Amino acid sequence: MYVVIVKFKISKDLDKGIIKNKFEETAPMYQDTIGLIRKNYLFSASNNTAGGVYIFDNSKNAHTWFDKERIDWLTERFSSPDITYYDSPVEVNNETNKIVVN
């Protein structure tokens, strides 16, 4: 598996209710994202930061999703994102009660 963590600064005007609505607006587009297993949205009012944690099936699909167009879209919508890519060689899944070694 492959994990991508995206963080970006948001306006102080965006409280939890507003940012939650913005996240809900975009959530459906992730249902058809090739290779995306899961996305969790992130919000920190104390740091004026938001973002997401993305779990992809592989590096290629993760990097394909975060192309220049996607980064430009995020920048226009919020601010320039900080994107970090990680290989995830071991997963602990308490929902399935399994440890998966990739």
PDB file of N, CA and C in Angstrom:
ATOM      1  N   MET A   1       0.826  -1.181   0.000  1.00  0.00           N
ATOM      2  CA  MET A   1       0.000   0.000   0.000  1.00  0.00           C
ATOM      3  C   MET A   1       0.871   1.245   0.000  1.00  0.00           C
ATOM      4  N   TYR A   2       0.236   2.352  -0.340  1.00  0.00           N
ATOM      5  CA  TYR A   2       0.947   3.604  -0.466  1.00  0.00           C
ATOM      6  C   TYR A   2       0.113   4.699   0.197  1.00  0.00           C
ATOM      7  N   VAL A   3       0.738   5.493   1.046  1.00  0.00           N
ATOM      8  CA  VAL A   3       0.044   6.528   1.814  1.00  0.00           C
ATOM      9  C   VAL A   3       0.522   7.902   1.354  1.00  0.00           C
ATOM     10  N   VAL A   4      -0.434   8.800   1.167  1.00  0.00           N
ATOM     11  CA  VAL A   4      -0.122  10.183   0.822  1.00  0.00           C
ATOM     12  C   VAL A   4      -0.771  11.070   1.880  1.00  0.00           C
ATOM     13  N   ILE A   5       0.019  11.957   2.461  1.00  0.00           N
ATOM     14  CA  ILE A   5      -0.506  12.913   3.433  1.00  0.00           C
ATOM     15  C   ILE A   5      -0.398  14.297   2.819  1.00  0.00           C
ATOM     16  N   VAL A   6      -1.538  14.963   2.754  1.00  0.00           N
ATOM     17  CA  VAL A   6      -1.628  16.295   2.162  1.00  0.00           C
ATOM     18  C   VAL A   6      -2.068  17.265   3.249  1.00  0.00           C
ATOM     19  N   LYS A   7      -1.321  18.379   3.383  1.00  0.00           N
ATOM     20  CA  LYS A   7      -1.681  19.416   4.347  1.00  0.00           C
ATOM     21  C   LYS A   7      -1.605  20.766   3.647  1.00  0.00           C
ATOM     22  N   PHE A   8      -2.513  21.658   4.037  1.00  0.00           N
ATOM     23  CA  PHE A   8      -2.468  23.012   3.507  1.00  0.00           C
ATOM     24  C   PHE A   8      -3.077  23.972   4.528  1.00  0.00           C
ATOM     25  N   LYS A   9      -2.621  25.206   4.483  1.00  0.00           N
ATOM     26  CA  LYS A   9      -3.144  26.248   5.360  1.00  0.00           C
ATOM     27  C   LYS A   9      -4.529  26.666   4.869  1.00  0.00           C
ATOM     28  N   ILE A  10      -5.396  26.983   5.813  1.00  0.00           N
ATOM     29  CA  ILE A  10      -6.727  27.464   5.469  1.00  0.00           C
ATOM     30  C   ILE A  10      -6.979  28.785   6.188  1.00  0.00           C
ATOM     31  N   SER A  11      -7.927  29.521   5.677  1.00  0.00           N
ATOM     32  CA  SER A  11      -8.310  30.797   6.269  1.00  0.00           C
ATOM     33  C   SER A  11      -8.873  30.588   7.671  1.00  0.00           C
ATOM     34  N   LYS A  12      -8.636  31.531   8.553  1.00  0.00           N
ATOM     35  CA  LYS A  12      -9.185  31.474   9.907  1.00  0.00           C
ATOM     36  C   LYS A  12     -10.707  31.538   9.897  1.00  0.00           C
ATOM     37  N   ASP A  13     -11.270  32.001   8.782  1.00  0.00           N
ATOM     38  CA  ASP A  13     -12.725  32.087   8.638  1.00  0.00           C
ATOM     39  C   ASP A  13     -13.379  30.718   8.459  1.00  0.00           C
ATOM     40  N   LEU A  14     -12.587  29.714   8.107  1.00  0.00           N
ATOM     41  CA  LEU A  14     -13.140  28.377   7.845  1.00  0.00           C
ATOM     42  C   LEU A  14     -13.210  27.583   9.143  1.00  0.00           C
ATOM     43  N   ASP A  15     -14.367  27.624   9.802  1.00  0.00           N
ATOM     44  CA  ASP A  15     -14.533  26.839  11.028  1.00  0.00           C
ATOM     45  C   ASP A  15     -14.889  25.398  10.652  1.00  0.00           C
ATOM     46  N   LYS A  16     -15.069  24.548  11.651  1.00  0.00           N
ATOM     47  CA  LYS A  16     -15.298  23.132  11.399  1.00  0.00           C
ATOM     48  C   LYS A  16     -16.539  22.894  10.539  1.00  0.00           C
ATOM     49  N   GLY A  17     -17.603  23.639  10.780  1.00  0.00           N
ATOM     50  CA  GLY A  17     -18.815  23.456   9.987  1.00  0.00           C
ATOM     51  C   GLY A  17     -18.611  23.794   8.526  1.00  0.00           C
ATOM     52  N   ILE A  18     -17.948  24.892   8.258  1.00  0.00           N
ATOM     53  CA  ILE A  18     -17.704  25.313   6.875  1.00  0.00           C
ATOM     54  C   ILE A  18     -16.775  24.335   6.165  1.00  0.00           C
ATOM     55  N   ILE A  19     -15.686  23.958   6.833  1.00  0.00           N
ATOM     56  CA  ILE A  19     -14.727  23.053   6.185  1.00  0.00           C
ATOM     57  C   ILE A  19     -15.348  21.672   5.975  1.00  0.00           C
ATOM     58  N   LYS A  20     -16.182  21.243   6.927  1.00  0.00           N
ATOM     59  CA  LYS A  20     -16.872  19.955   6.764  1.00  0.00           C
ATOM     60  C   LYS A  20     -17.768  19.987   5.526  1.00  0.00           C
ATOM     61  N   ASN A  21     -18.486  21.088   5.309  1.00  0.00           N
ATOM     62  CA  ASN A  21     -19.318  21.217   4.113  1.00  0.00           C
ATOM     63  C   ASN A  21     -18.483  21.191   2.840  1.00  0.00           C
ATOM     64  N   LYS A  22     -17.332  21.869   2.859  1.00  0.00           N
ATOM     65  CA  LYS A  22     -16.446  21.857   1.693  1.00  0.00           C
ATOM     66  C   LYS A  22     -15.950  20.431   1.416  1.00  0.00           C
ATOM     67  N   PHE A  23     -15.619  19.714   2.472  1.00  0.00           N
ATOM     68  CA  PHE A  23     -15.158  18.337   2.312  1.00  0.00           C
ATOM     69  C   PHE A  23     -16.279  17.455   1.751  1.00  0.00           C
ATOM     70  N   GLU A  24     -17.488  17.629   2.271  1.00  0.00           N
ATOM     71  CA  GLU A  24     -18.615  16.830   1.783  1.00  0.00           C
ATOM     72  C   GLU A  24     -18.890  17.093   0.299  1.00  0.00           C
ATOM     73  N   GLU A  25     -18.681  18.333  -0.145  1.00  0.00           N
ATOM     74  CA  GLU A  25     -18.862  18.671  -1.561  1.00  0.00           C
ATOM     75  C   GLU A  25     -17.943  17.851  -2.459  1.00  0.00           C
ATOM     76  N   THR A  26     -16.708  17.664  -2.011  1.00  0.00           N
ATOM     77  CA  THR A  26     -15.720  16.990  -2.863  1.00  0.00           C
ATOM     78  C   THR A  26     -15.667  15.476  -2.660  1.00  0.00           C
ATOM     79  N   ALA A  27     -16.239  14.966  -1.587  1.00  0.00           N
ATOM     80  CA  ALA A  27     -16.126  13.539  -1.271  1.00  0.00           C
ATOM     81  C   ALA A  27     -16.535  12.612  -2.419  1.00  0.00           C
ATOM     82  N   PRO A  28     -17.637  12.885  -3.136  1.00  0.00           N
ATOM     83  CA  PRO A  28     -18.029  11.956  -4.210  1.00  0.00           C
ATOM     84  C   PRO A  28     -16.976  11.763  -5.303  1.00  0.00           C
ATOM     85  N   MET A  29     -16.154  12.783  -5.563  1.00  0.00           N
ATOM     86  CA  MET A  29     -15.171  12.622  -6.640  1.00  0.00           C
ATOM     87  C   MET A  29     -14.108  11.581  -6.308  1.00  0.00           C
ATOM     88  N   TYR A  30     -13.942  11.277  -5.045  1.00  0.00           N
ATOM     89  CA  TYR A  30     -12.937  10.290  -4.652  1.00  0.00           C
ATOM     90  C   TYR A  30     -13.443   8.857  -4.774  1.00  0.00           C
ATOM     91  N   GLN A  31     -14.738   8.685  -4.960  1.00  0.00           N
ATOM     92  CA  GLN A  31     -15.279   7.335  -5.086  1.00  0.00           C
ATOM     93  C   GLN A  31     -14.833   6.652  -6.370  1.00  0.00           C
ATOM     94  N   ASP A  32     -14.460   7.426  -7.373  1.00  0.00           N
ATOM     95  CA  ASP A  32     -14.026   6.861  -8.650  1.00  0.00           C
ATOM     96  C   ASP A  32     -12.534   7.037  -8.908  1.00  0.00           C
ATOM     97  N   THR A  33     -11.779   7.414  -7.892  1.00  0.00           N
ATOM     98  CA  THR A  33     -10.340   7.628  -8.053  1.00  0.00           C
ATOM     99  C   THR A  33      -9.637   6.281  -8.196  1.00  0.00           C
ATOM    100  N   ILE A  34      -8.947   6.104  -9.290  1.00  0.00           N
ATOM    101  CA  ILE A  34      -8.279   4.830  -9.571  1.00  0.00           C
ATOM    102  C   ILE A  34      -7.231   4.529  -8.509  1.00  0.00           C
ATOM    103  N   GLY A  35      -7.364   3.358  -7.902  1.00  0.00           N
ATOM    104  CA  GLY A  35      -6.394   2.882  -6.918  1.00  0.00           C
ATOM    105  C   GLY A  35      -6.578   3.410  -5.509  1.00  0.00           C
ATOM    106  N   LEU A  36      -7.515   4.339  -5.301  1.00  0.00           N
ATOM    107  CA  LEU A  36      -7.720   4.878  -3.954  1.00  0.00           C
ATOM    108  C   LEU A  36      -8.534   3.888  -3.131  1.00  0.00           C
ATOM    109  N   ILE A  37      -7.974   3.481  -2.016  1.00  0.00           N
ATOM    110  CA  ILE A  37      -8.647   2.562  -1.111  1.00  0.00           C
ATOM    111  C   ILE A  37      -9.474   3.336  -0.091  1.00  0.00           C
ATOM    112  N   ARG A  38      -8.884   4.417   0.431  1.00  0.00           N
ATOM    113  CA  ARG A  38      -9.568   5.197   1.464  1.00  0.00           C
ATOM    114  C   ARG A  38      -8.991   6.599   1.513  1.00  0.00           C
ATOM    115  N   LYS A  39      -9.822   7.546   1.882  1.00  0.00           N
ATOM    116  CA  LYS A  39      -9.371   8.905   2.140  1.00  0.00           C
ATOM    117  C   LYS A  39     -10.012   9.380   3.427  1.00  0.00           C
ATOM    118  N   ASN A  40      -9.197   9.946   4.300  1.00  0.00           N
ATOM    119  CA  ASN A  40      -9.683  10.604   5.503  1.00  0.00           C
ATOM    120  C   ASN A  40      -9.334  12.075   5.398  1.00  0.00           C
ATOM    121  N   TYR A  41     -10.337  12.925   5.577  1.00  0.00           N
ATOM    122  CA  TYR A  41     -10.109  14.370   5.583  1.00  0.00           C
ATOM    123  C   TYR A  41      -9.561  14.787   6.942  1.00  0.00           C
ATOM    124  N   LEU A  42      -8.733  15.828   6.939  1.00  0.00           N
ATOM    125  CA  LEU A  42      -8.111  16.329   8.163  1.00  0.00           C
ATOM    126  C   LEU A  42      -8.465  17.794   8.379  1.00  0.00           C
ATOM    127  N   PHE A  43      -8.617  18.188   9.652  1.00  0.00           N
ATOM    128  CA  PHE A  43      -8.902  19.582   9.987  1.00  0.00           C
ATOM    129  C   PHE A  43      -8.337  19.888  11.369  1.00  0.00           C
ATOM    130  N   SER A  44      -7.582  20.979  11.462  1.00  0.00           N
ATOM    131  CA  SER A  44      -7.062  21.459  12.743  1.00  0.00           C
ATOM    132  C   SER A  44      -7.346  22.954  12.841  1.00  0.00           C
ATOM    133  N   ALA A  45      -8.341  23.304  13.646  1.00  0.00           N
ATOM    134  CA  ALA A  45      -8.693  24.712  13.836  1.00  0.00           C
ATOM    135  C   ALA A  45      -7.557  25.467  14.509  1.00  0.00           C
ATOM    136  N   SER A  46      -6.874  24.836  15.436  1.00  0.00           N
ATOM    137  CA  SER A  46      -5.813  25.514  16.193  1.00  0.00           C
ATOM    138  C   SER A  46      -4.607  25.860  15.326  1.00  0.00           C
ATOM    139  N   ASN A  47      -4.400  25.107  14.250  1.00  0.00           N
ATOM    140  CA  ASN A  47      -3.273  25.361  13.343  1.00  0.00           C
ATOM    141  C   ASN A  47      -3.699  25.954  12.007  1.00  0.00           C
ATOM    142  N   ASN A  48      -5.003  26.194  11.835  1.00  0.00           N
ATOM    143  CA  ASN A  48      -5.530  26.663  10.542  1.00  0.00           C
ATOM    144  C   ASN A  48      -5.021  25.791   9.400  1.00  0.00           C
ATOM    145  N   THR A  49      -5.141  24.490   9.602  1.00  0.00           N
ATOM    146  CA  THR A  49      -4.635  23.519   8.638  1.00  0.00           C
ATOM    147  C   THR A  49      -5.723  22.497   8.320  1.00  0.00           C
ATOM    148  N   ALA A  50      -5.746  22.069   7.079  1.00  0.00           N
ATOM    149  CA  ALA A  50      -6.636  20.993   6.661  1.00  0.00           C
ATOM    150  C   ALA A  50      -5.864  20.112   5.689  1.00  0.00           C
ATOM    151  N   GLY A  51      -6.486  19.041   5.259  1.00  0.00           N
ATOM    152  CA  GLY A  51      -5.826  18.162   4.303  1.00  0.00           C
ATOM    153  C   GLY A  51      -6.493  16.811   4.248  1.00  0.00           C
ATOM    154  N   GLY A  52      -5.692  15.813   3.920  1.00  0.00           N
ATOM    155  CA  GLY A  52      -6.221  14.470   3.812  1.00  0.00           C
ATOM    156  C   GLY A  52      -5.136  13.418   3.907  1.00  0.00           C
ATOM    157  N   VAL A  53      -5.561  12.235   4.310  1.00  0.00           N
ATOM    158  CA  VAL A  53      -4.703  11.054   4.299  1.00  0.00           C
ATOM    159  C   VAL A  53      -5.319  10.101   3.287  1.00  0.00           C
ATOM    160  N   TYR A  54      -4.532   9.750   2.294  1.00  0.00           N
ATOM    161  CA  TYR A  54      -4.995   8.918   1.196  1.00  0.00           C
ATOM    162  C   TYR A  54      -4.264   7.578   1.251  1.00  0.00           C
ATOM    163  N   ILE A  55      -5.010   6.500   1.112  1.00  0.00           N
ATOM    164  CA  ILE A  55      -4.417   5.170   1.034  1.00  0.00           C
ATOM    165  C   ILE A  55      -4.655   4.663  -0.387  1.00  0.00           C
ATOM    166  N   PHE A  56      -3.573   4.490  -1.128  1.00  0.00           N
ATOM    167  CA  PHE A  56      -3.638   3.994  -2.498  1.00  0.00           C
ATOM    168  C   PHE A  56      -3.100   2.569  -2.568  1.00  0.00           C
ATOM    169  N   ASP A  57      -3.463   1.896  -3.630  1.00  0.00           N
ATOM    170  CA  ASP A  57      -2.969   0.533  -3.834  1.00  0.00           C
ATOM    171  C   ASP A  57      -1.508   0.502  -4.265  1.00  0.00           C
ATOM    172  N   ASN A  58      -1.034   1.595  -4.916  1.00  0.00           N
ATOM    173  CA  ASN A  58       0.370   1.619  -5.324  1.00  0.00           C
ATOM    174  C   ASN A  58       0.841   3.051  -5.580  1.00  0.00           C
ATOM    175  N   SER A  59       2.137   3.188  -5.723  1.00  0.00           N
ATOM    176  CA  SER A  59       2.772   4.488  -5.926  1.00  0.00           C
ATOM    177  C   SER A  59       2.334   5.147  -7.236  1.00  0.00           C
ATOM    178  N   LYS A  60       2.222   4.363  -8.285  1.00  0.00           N
ATOM    179  CA  LYS A  60       1.858   4.921  -9.594  1.00  0.00           C
ATOM    180  C   LYS A  60       0.510   5.626  -9.530  1.00  0.00           C
ATOM    181  N   ASN A  61      -0.485   4.978  -8.946  1.00  0.00           N
ATOM    182  CA  ASN A  61      -1.816   5.581  -8.868  1.00  0.00           C
ATOM    183  C   ASN A  61      -1.816   6.820  -7.977  1.00  0.00           C
ATOM    184  N   ALA A  62      -1.036   6.807  -6.920  1.00  0.00           N
ATOM    185  CA  ALA A  62      -0.945   7.975  -6.036  1.00  0.00           C
ATOM    186  C   ALA A  62      -0.339   9.163  -6.770  1.00  0.00           C
ATOM    187  N   HIS A  63       0.758   8.935  -7.444  1.00  0.00           N
ATOM    188  CA  HIS A  63       1.422  10.026  -8.166  1.00  0.00           C
ATOM    189  C   HIS A  63       0.603  10.501  -9.369  1.00  0.00           C
ATOM    190  N   THR A  64      -0.119   9.592  -9.997  1.00  0.00           N
ATOM    191  CA  THR A  64      -0.987   9.976 -11.110  1.00  0.00           C
ATOM    192  C   THR A  64      -2.105  10.890 -10.625  1.00  0.00           C
ATOM    193  N   TRP A  65      -2.686  10.576  -9.475  1.00  0.00           N
ATOM    194  CA  TRP A  65      -3.768  11.397  -8.932  1.00  0.00           C
ATOM    195  C   TRP A  65      -3.282  12.805  -8.601  1.00  0.00           C
ATOM    196  N   PHE A  66      -2.122  12.899  -7.990  1.00  0.00           N
ATOM    197  CA  PHE A  66      -1.595  14.205  -7.588  1.00  0.00           C
ATOM    198  C   PHE A  66      -0.715  14.808  -8.692  1.00  0.00           C
ATOM    199  N   ASP A  67      -1.337  15.004  -9.839  1.00  0.00           N
ATOM    200  CA  ASP A  67      -0.643  15.636 -10.958  1.00  0.00           C
ATOM    201  C   ASP A  67      -0.689  17.158 -10.803  1.00  0.00           C
ATOM    202  N   LYS A  68      -0.107  17.869 -11.737  1.00  0.00           N
ATOM    203  CA  LYS A  68      -0.060  19.335 -11.667  1.00  0.00           C
ATOM    204  C   LYS A  68      -1.454  19.945 -11.601  1.00  0.00           C
ATOM    205  N   GLU A  69      -2.372  19.390 -12.374  1.00  0.00           N
ATOM    206  CA  GLU A  69      -3.747  19.897 -12.385  1.00  0.00           C
ATOM    207  C   GLU A  69      -4.398  19.790 -11.001  1.00  0.00           C
ATOM    208  N   ARG A  70      -4.211  18.656 -10.339  1.00  0.00           N
ATOM    209  CA  ARG A  70      -4.787  18.444  -8.996  1.00  0.00           C
ATOM    210  C   ARG A  70      -4.154  19.408  -7.990  1.00  0.00           C
ATOM    211  N   ILE A  71      -2.847  19.563  -8.063  1.00  0.00           N
ATOM    212  CA  ILE A  71      -2.152  20.464  -7.136  1.00  0.00           C
ATOM    213  C   ILE A  71      -2.595  21.906  -7.373  1.00  0.00           C
ATOM    214  N   ASP A  72      -2.754  22.301  -8.625  1.00  0.00           N
ATOM    215  CA  ASP A  72      -3.255  23.647  -8.941  1.00  0.00           C
ATOM    216  C   ASP A  72      -4.663  23.836  -8.393  1.00  0.00           C
ATOM    217  N   TRP A  73      -5.509  22.823  -8.516  1.00  0.00           N
ATOM    218  CA  TRP A  73      -6.885  22.892  -8.008  1.00  0.00           C
ATOM    219  C   TRP A  73      -6.893  23.084  -6.491  1.00  0.00           C
ATOM    220  N   LEU A  74      -6.070  22.310  -5.789  1.00  0.00           N
ATOM    221  CA  LEU A  74      -5.978  22.459  -4.332  1.00  0.00           C
ATOM    222  C   LEU A  74      -5.478  23.847  -3.939  1.00  0.00           C
ATOM    223  N   THR A  75      -4.493  24.332  -4.668  1.00  0.00           N
ATOM    224  CA  THR A  75      -3.923  25.650  -4.394  1.00  0.00           C
ATOM    225  C   THR A  75      -4.974  26.744  -4.582  1.00  0.00           C
ATOM    226  N   GLU A  76      -5.755  26.648  -5.654  1.00  0.00           N
ATOM    227  CA  GLU A  76      -6.803  27.646  -5.898  1.00  0.00           C
ATOM    228  C   GLU A  76      -7.906  27.563  -4.848  1.00  0.00           C
ATOM    229  N   ARG A  77      -8.252  26.361  -4.454  1.00  0.00           N
ATOM    230  CA  ARG A  77      -9.366  26.148  -3.508  1.00  0.00           C
ATOM    231  C   ARG A  77      -8.991  26.542  -2.086  1.00  0.00           C
ATOM    232  N   PHE A  78      -7.753  26.243  -1.680  1.00  0.00           N
ATOM    233  CA  PHE A  78      -7.322  26.502  -0.304  1.00  0.00           C
ATOM    234  C   PHE A  78      -5.998  27.266  -0.266  1.00  0.00           C
ATOM    235  N   SER A  79      -4.915  26.551  -0.518  1.00  0.00           N
ATOM    236  CA  SER A  79      -3.569  27.128  -0.568  1.00  0.00           C
ATOM    237  C   SER A  79      -2.628  26.051  -1.104  1.00  0.00           C
ATOM    238  N   SER A  80      -1.380  26.420  -1.310  1.00  0.00           N
ATOM    239  CA  SER A  80      -0.405  25.471  -1.850  1.00  0.00           C
ATOM    240  C   SER A  80      -0.227  24.299  -0.879  1.00  0.00           C
ATOM    241  N   PRO A  81      -0.454  23.072  -1.345  1.00  0.00           N
ATOM    242  CA  PRO A  81      -0.384  21.926  -0.445  1.00  0.00           C
ATOM    243  C   PRO A  81       1.036  21.412  -0.213  1.00  0.00           C
ATOM    244  N   ASP A  82       1.228  20.862   0.962  1.00  0.00           N
ATOM    245  CA  ASP A  82       2.440  20.115   1.293  1.00  0.00           C
ATOM    246  C   ASP A  82       2.055  18.647   1.135  1.00  0.00           C
ATOM    247  N   ILE A  83       2.674  17.953   0.191  1.00  0.00           N
ATOM    248  CA  ILE A  83       2.318  16.568  -0.110  1.00  0.00           C
ATOM    249  C   ILE A  83       3.507  15.669   0.181  1.00  0.00           C
ATOM    250  N   THR A  84       3.261  14.644   0.995  1.00  0.00           N
ATOM    251  CA  THR A  84       4.306  13.695   1.354  1.00  0.00           C
ATOM    252  C   THR A  84       3.834  12.284   1.009  1.00  0.00           C
ATOM    253  N   TYR A  85       4.706  11.530   0.343  1.00  0.00           N
ATOM    254  CA  TYR A  85       4.402  10.171  -0.104  1.00  0.00           C
ATOM    255  C   TYR A  85       5.152   9.159   0.762  1.00  0.00           C
ATOM    256  N   TYR A  86       4.463   8.075   1.115  1.00  0.00           N
ATOM    257  CA  TYR A  86       5.057   7.039   1.954  1.00  0.00           C
ATOM    258  C   TYR A  86       4.713   5.651   1.429  1.00  0.00           C
ATOM    259  N   ASP A  87       5.695   4.775   1.422  1.00  0.00           N
ATOM    260  CA  ASP A  87       5.432   3.357   1.231  1.00  0.00           C
ATOM    261  C   ASP A  87       4.965   2.827   2.576  1.00  0.00           C
ATOM    262  N   SER A  88       3.977   1.961   2.585  1.00  0.00           N
ATOM    263  CA  SER A  88       3.453   1.404   3.839  1.00  0.00           C
ATOM    264  C   SER A  88       3.648  -0.110   3.818  1.00  0.00           C
ATOM    265  N   PRO A  89       4.781  -0.592   4.330  1.00  0.00           N
ATOM    266  CA  PRO A  89       5.094  -2.018   4.217  1.00  0.00           C
ATOM    267  C   PRO A  89       4.316  -2.919   5.172  1.00  0.00           C
ATOM    268  N   VAL A  90       3.771  -2.360   6.264  1.00  0.00           N
ATOM    269  CA  VAL A  90       3.014  -3.166   7.219  1.00  0.00           C
ATOM    270  C   VAL A  90       1.772  -2.388   7.637  1.00  0.00           C
ATOM    271  N   GLU A  91       0.637  -3.066   7.662  1.00  0.00           N
ATOM    272  CA  GLU A  91      -0.627  -2.450   8.074  1.00  0.00           C
ATOM    273  C   GLU A  91      -1.235  -3.259   9.208  1.00  0.00           C
ATOM    274  N   VAL A  92      -1.689  -2.575  10.252  1.00  0.00           N
ATOM    275  CA  VAL A  92      -2.463  -3.194  11.319  1.00  0.00           C
ATOM    276  C   VAL A  92      -3.906  -2.763  11.103  1.00  0.00           C
ATOM    277  N   ASN A  93      -4.785  -3.718  10.849  1.00  0.00           N
ATOM    278  CA  ASN A  93      -6.190  -3.418  10.593  1.00  0.00           C
ATOM    279  C   ASN A  93      -7.030  -4.045  11.698  1.00  0.00           C
ATOM    280  N   ASN A  94      -7.500  -3.216  12.602  1.00  0.00           N
ATOM    281  CA  ASN A  94      -8.289  -3.725  13.723  1.00  0.00           C
ATOM    282  C   ASN A  94      -9.731  -4.056  13.330  1.00  0.00           C
ATOM    283  N   GLU A  95     -10.190  -3.522  12.197  1.00  0.00           N
ATOM    284  CA  GLU A  95     -11.538  -3.879  11.731  1.00  0.00           C
ATOM    285  C   GLU A  95     -11.584  -5.335  11.258  1.00  0.00           C
ATOM    286  N   THR A  96     -10.517  -5.784  10.608  1.00  0.00           N
ATOM    287  CA  THR A  96     -10.476  -7.164  10.131  1.00  0.00           C
ATOM    288  C   THR A  96      -9.667  -8.059  11.058  1.00  0.00           C
ATOM    289  N   ASN A  97      -9.063  -7.450  12.088  1.00  0.00           N
ATOM    290  CA  ASN A  97      -8.222  -8.170  13.036  1.00  0.00           C
ATOM    291  C   ASN A  97      -7.043  -8.852  12.322  1.00  0.00           C
ATOM    292  N   LYS A  98      -6.426  -8.122  11.364  1.00  0.00           N
ATOM    293  CA  LYS A  98      -5.313  -8.681  10.603  1.00  0.00           C
ATOM    294  C   LYS A  98      -4.140  -7.724  10.576  1.00  0.00           C
ATOM    295  N   ILE A  99      -2.963  -8.305  10.462  1.00  0.00           N
ATOM    296  CA  ILE A  99      -1.745  -7.567  10.187  1.00  0.00           C
ATOM    297  C   ILE A  99      -1.320  -7.994   8.781  1.00  0.00           C
ATOM    298  N   VAL A 100      -1.183  -7.000   7.903  1.00  0.00           N
ATOM    299  CA  VAL A 100      -0.850  -7.286   6.516  1.00  0.00           C
ATOM    300  C   VAL A 100       0.560  -6.767   6.247  1.00  0.00           C
ATOM    301  N   VAL A 101       1.421  -7.645   5.732  1.00  0.00           N
ATOM    302  CA  VAL A 101       2.776  -7.282   5.352  1.00  0.00           C
ATOM    303  C   VAL A 101       2.816  -7.244   3.826  1.00  0.00           C
ATOM    304  N   ASN A 102       3.166  -6.073   3.291  1.00  0.00           N
ATOM    305  CA  ASN A 102       3.194  -5.903   1.836  1.00  0.00           C
ATOM    306  C   ASN A 102       4.601  -6.121   1.302  1.00  0.00           C
TER     307      ASN A 102
END
